[in-house]
C-alpha atoms as a PDB file:
ATOM      1  CA  UNK A   1       2.019  21.449  -3.905  1.00  0.00           C
ATOM      2  CA  UNK A   2      -1.201  23.377  -4.246  1.00  0.00           C
ATOM      3  CA  UNK A   3      -4.376  22.208  -2.397  1.00  0.00           C
ATOM      4  CA  UNK A   4      -6.214  20.756  -5.446  1.00  0.00           C
ATOM      5  CA  UNK A   5      -3.113  18.897  -6.552  1.00  0.00           C
ATOM      6  CA  UNK A   6      -2.649  17.507  -3.105  1.00  0.00           C
ATOM      7  CA  UNK A   7      -6.192  16.484  -2.813  1.00  0.00           C
ATOM      8  CA  UNK A   8      -6.024  14.795  -6.281  1.00  0.00           C
ATOM      9  CA  UNK A   9      -2.878  12.787  -5.299  1.00  0.00           C
ATOM     10  CA  UNK A  10      -4.395  11.846  -2.056  1.00  0.00           C
ATOM     11  CA  UNK A  11      -7.714  10.813  -3.666  1.00  0.00           C
ATOM     12  CA  UNK A  12      -5.858   8.846  -6.449  1.00  0.00           C
ATOM     13  CA  UNK A  13      -4.007   6.820  -3.683  1.00  0.00           C
ATOM     14  CA  UNK A  14      -7.241   6.086  -1.885  1.00  0.00           C
ATOM     15  CA  UNK A  15      -9.060   4.938  -4.928  1.00  0.00           C
ATOM     16  CA  UNK A  16      -6.101   2.790  -6.173  1.00  0.00           C
ATOM     17  CA  UNK A  17      -5.775   1.183  -2.845  1.00  0.00           C
ATOM     18  CA  UNK A  18      -9.636   0.521  -2.617  1.00  0.00           C
ATOM     19  CA  UNK A  19     -10.606  -0.376  -6.083  1.00  0.00           C
ATOM     20  CA  UNK A  20      -7.236  -0.985  -8.068  1.00  0.00           C
ATOM     21  CA  UNK A  21      -8.214  -1.506 -11.617  1.00  0.00           C
ATOM     22  CA  UNK A  22      -8.143  -4.085 -14.343  1.00  0.00           C
ATOM     23  CA  UNK A  23      -5.233  -2.366 -16.110  1.00  0.00           C
ATOM     24  CA  UNK A  24      -3.098  -2.381 -12.839  1.00  0.00           C
ATOM     25  CA  UNK A  25      -4.306  -5.871 -11.495  1.00  0.00           C
ATOM     26  CA  UNK A  26      -0.791  -7.395 -11.795  1.00  0.00           C
ATOM     27  CA  UNK A  27       1.215  -4.305 -11.040  1.00  0.00           C
ATOM     28  CA  UNK A  28       2.675  -3.470  -7.696  1.00  0.00           C
ATOM     29  CA  UNK A  29       1.106  -0.313  -6.469  1.00  0.00           C
ATOM     30  CA  UNK A  30       2.641   2.357  -4.155  1.00  0.00           C
ATOM     31  CA  UNK A  31      -0.241   3.097  -1.605  1.00  0.00           C
ATOM     32  CA  UNK A  32       1.615   5.485   0.718  1.00  0.00           C
ATOM     33  CA  UNK A  33       4.863   7.332   1.002  1.00  0.00           C
ATOM     34  CA  UNK A  34       6.597   9.213   3.837  1.00  0.00           C
ATOM     35  CA  UNK A  35       9.709  11.177   2.967  1.00  0.00           C
ATOM     36  CA  UNK A  36      11.891  13.100   5.494  1.00  0.00           C
ATOM     37  CA  UNK A  37      15.208  14.675   5.236  1.00  0.00           C
ATOM     38  CA  UNK A  38      17.818  12.939   7.230  1.00  0.00           C
ATOM     39  CA  UNK A  39      21.339  14.415   7.314  1.00  0.00           C
ATOM     40  CA  UNK A  40      22.288  15.345   3.812  1.00  0.00           C
ATOM     41  CA  UNK A  41      20.030  12.730   2.233  1.00  0.00           C
ATOM     42  CA  UNK A  42      16.312  11.607   2.467  1.00  0.00           C
ATOM     43  CA  UNK A  43      14.591   8.638   3.910  1.00  0.00           C
ATOM     44  CA  UNK A  44      11.621   7.246   2.142  1.00  0.00           C
ATOM     45  CA  UNK A  45       9.037   4.914   3.823  1.00  0.00           C
ATOM     46  CA  UNK A  46       7.053   3.304   1.046  1.00  0.00           C
ATOM     47  CA  UNK A  47       3.985   1.219   1.432  1.00  0.00           C
ATOM     48  CA  UNK A  48       3.410  -1.365  -1.554  1.00  0.00           C
ATOM     49  CA  UNK A  49       0.250  -3.401  -2.370  1.00  0.00           C
ATOM     50  CA  UNK A  50       0.519  -6.463  -4.577  1.00  0.00           C
ATOM     51  CA  UNK A  51      -1.048  -9.883  -4.829  1.00  0.00           C
ATOM     52  CA  UNK A  52       2.116 -11.804  -4.097  1.00  0.00           C
ATOM     53  CA  UNK A  53       1.781 -15.381  -4.823  1.00  0.00           C
ATOM     54  CA  UNK A  54       5.155 -16.658  -4.057  1.00  0.00           C
ATOM     55  CA  UNK A  55       8.745 -16.478  -5.561  1.00  0.00           C
ATOM     56  CA  UNK A  56       7.363 -16.878  -9.048  1.00  0.00           C
ATOM     57  CA  UNK A  57       5.355 -13.542  -8.822  1.00  0.00           C
ATOM     58  CA  UNK A  58       5.858 -10.783  -6.301  1.00  0.00           C
ATOM     59  CA  UNK A  59       6.600  -7.047  -5.849  1.00  0.00           C
ATOM     60  CA  UNK A  60      10.405  -6.992  -6.201  1.00  0.00           C
ATOM     61  CA  UNK A  61      11.349  -3.376  -5.987  1.00  0.00           C
ATOM     62  CA  UNK A  62      10.520   0.373  -5.653  1.00  0.00           C
ATOM     63  CA  UNK A  63      12.250   3.474  -6.945  1.00  0.00           C
ATOM     64  CA  UNK A  64      12.434   7.097  -6.326  1.00  0.00           C
ATOM     65  CA  UNK A  65      12.623   9.167  -9.572  1.00  0.00           C
ATOM     66  CA  UNK A  66      13.082  12.877 -10.394  1.00  0.00           C
ATOM     67  CA  UNK A  67      10.703  14.929 -12.693  1.00  0.00           C
ATOM     68  CA  UNK A  68      12.815  13.659 -15.827  1.00  0.00           C
ATOM     69  CA  UNK A  69      12.564  10.015 -14.777  1.00  0.00           C
ATOM     70  CA  UNK A  70      16.157   9.700 -13.529  1.00  0.00           C
ATOM     71  CA  UNK A  71      16.544   7.297 -10.721  1.00  0.00           C
ATOM     72  CA  UNK A  72      17.485   8.728  -7.298  1.00  0.00           C
ATOM     73  CA  UNK A  73      17.106   5.618  -5.254  1.00  0.00           C
ATOM     74  CA  UNK A  74      16.302   1.950  -5.605  1.00  0.00           C
ATOM     75  CA  UNK A  75      14.992  -0.384  -2.927  1.00  0.00           C
ATOM     76  CA  UNK A  76      15.167  -3.982  -3.912  1.00  0.00           C
ATOM     77  CA  UNK A  77      12.620  -6.356  -2.144  1.00  0.00           C
ATOM     78  CA  UNK A  78      14.362  -9.572  -1.301  1.00  0.00           C
ATOM     79  CA  UNK A  79      11.260 -11.841  -0.924  1.00  0.00           C
ATOM     80  CA  UNK A  80       7.545 -12.269  -1.512  1.00  0.00           C
ATOM     81  CA  UNK A  81       5.170 -10.837   1.071  1.00  0.00           C
ATOM     82  CA  UNK A  82       2.353 -13.309   0.596  1.00  0.00           C
ATOM     83  CA  UNK A  83       1.089 -12.936   4.278  1.00  0.00           C
ATOM     84  CA  UNK A  84       1.976  -9.191   4.793  1.00  0.00           C
ATOM     85  CA  UNK A  85      -0.133  -6.912   2.520  1.00  0.00           C
ATOM     86  CA  UNK A  86       0.317  -4.045   2.174  1.00  0.00           C
ATOM     87  CA  UNK A  87       3.728  -3.771   3.450  1.00  0.00           C
ATOM     88  CA  UNK A  88       6.108  -0.886   4.095  1.00  0.00           C
ATOM     89  CA  UNK A  89       9.896  -0.768   3.589  1.00  0.00           C
ATOM     90  CA  UNK A  90      12.373   2.051   3.841  1.00  0.00           C
ATOM     91  CA  UNK A  91      15.387   3.416   2.066  1.00  0.00           C
ATOM     92  CA  UNK A  92      17.837   5.694   3.745  1.00  0.00           C
ATOM     93  CA  UNK A  93      20.453   8.299   2.197  1.00  0.00           C
ATOM     94  CA  UNK A  94      18.613   9.060  -0.997  1.00  0.00           C
ATOM     95  CA  UNK A  95      20.426  12.086  -2.453  1.00  0.00           C
ATOM     96  CA  UNK A  96      17.898  14.552  -3.922  1.00  0.00           C
ATOM     97  CA  UNK A  97      19.459  17.500  -5.945  1.00  0.00           C
ATOM     98  CA  UNK A  98      18.992  20.776  -4.353  1.00  0.00           C
ATOM     99  CA  UNK A  99      15.886  22.736  -5.441  1.00  0.00           C
ATOM    100  CA  UNK A 100      13.942  19.518  -6.037  1.00  0.00           C
ATOM    101  CA  UNK A 101      10.420  19.999  -4.591  1.00  0.00           C
ATOM    102  CA  UNK A 102       8.682  16.924  -6.065  1.00  0.00           C
ATOM    103  CA  UNK A 103       9.911  13.283  -6.626  1.00  0.00           C
ATOM    104  CA  UNK A 104       7.950  10.354  -7.990  1.00  0.00           C
ATOM    105  CA  UNK A 105       7.789   6.773  -6.518  1.00  0.00           C
ATOM    106  CA  UNK A 106       6.796   3.712  -8.309  1.00  0.00           C
ATOM    107  CA  UNK A 107       6.846  -0.121  -7.714  1.00  0.00           C
ATOM    108  CA  UNK A 108       7.944  -3.120  -9.705  1.00  0.00           C
ATOM    109  CA  UNK A 109       6.601  -6.700 -10.027  1.00  0.00           C
ATOM    110  CA  UNK A 110       8.728  -9.620 -10.850  1.00  0.00           C
ATOM    111  CA  UNK A 111       6.589 -10.607 -13.750  1.00  0.00           C
ATOM    112  CA  UNK A 112       5.059  -7.370 -15.153  1.00  0.00           C
ATOM    113  CA  UNK A 113       7.992  -4.946 -14.389  1.00  0.00           C
ATOM    114  CA  UNK A 114       7.560  -1.335 -13.449  1.00  0.00           C
ATOM    115  CA  UNK A 115       4.158  -0.102 -12.851  1.00  0.00           C
ATOM    116  CA  UNK A 116       2.848   2.862 -14.964  1.00  0.00           C
ATOM    117  CA  UNK A 117       1.417   4.349 -11.771  1.00  0.00           C
ATOM    118  CA  UNK A 118       3.717   6.857 -10.108  1.00  0.00           C
ATOM    119  CA  UNK A 119       2.964   8.567  -6.882  1.00  0.00           C
ATOM    120  CA  UNK A 120       4.078  12.372  -6.602  1.00  0.00           C
ATOM    121  CA  UNK A 121       5.747  13.260  -3.270  1.00  0.00           C
ATOM    122  CA  UNK A 122       6.143  16.912  -2.259  1.00  0.00           C
ATOM    123  CA  UNK A 123       9.382  17.250  -0.323  1.00  0.00           C
ATOM    124  CA  UNK A 124       9.147  19.621   2.733  1.00  0.00           C
ATOM    125  CA  UNK A 125      12.589  20.930   3.792  1.00  0.00           C
END
């Protein structure tokens, strides 16, 4: 990723975390991602922010996508995180095709579904 694109991604994450947005108010937001190669797969540590209210409305998953929108990994979230915001959860053994340099991560809410916001993650081998 070139420097302007990296700065744009970082700035987008910071602004989303600080100010959110009316259109994204109910969406679960990815606010940070750490990816590291682990064996033949990848480990993703993803931090999600959402105004969980309980079992009726909470961030219920996040996923890793390739550039074409194909799912490479899915992390289901088993319960609300009302008192823990933002929160970080991990997913191991994500198989990323050889030659892939960028993946995208997005989160889901039990009421509004998948967020339109995706976070680009540059993979360093």
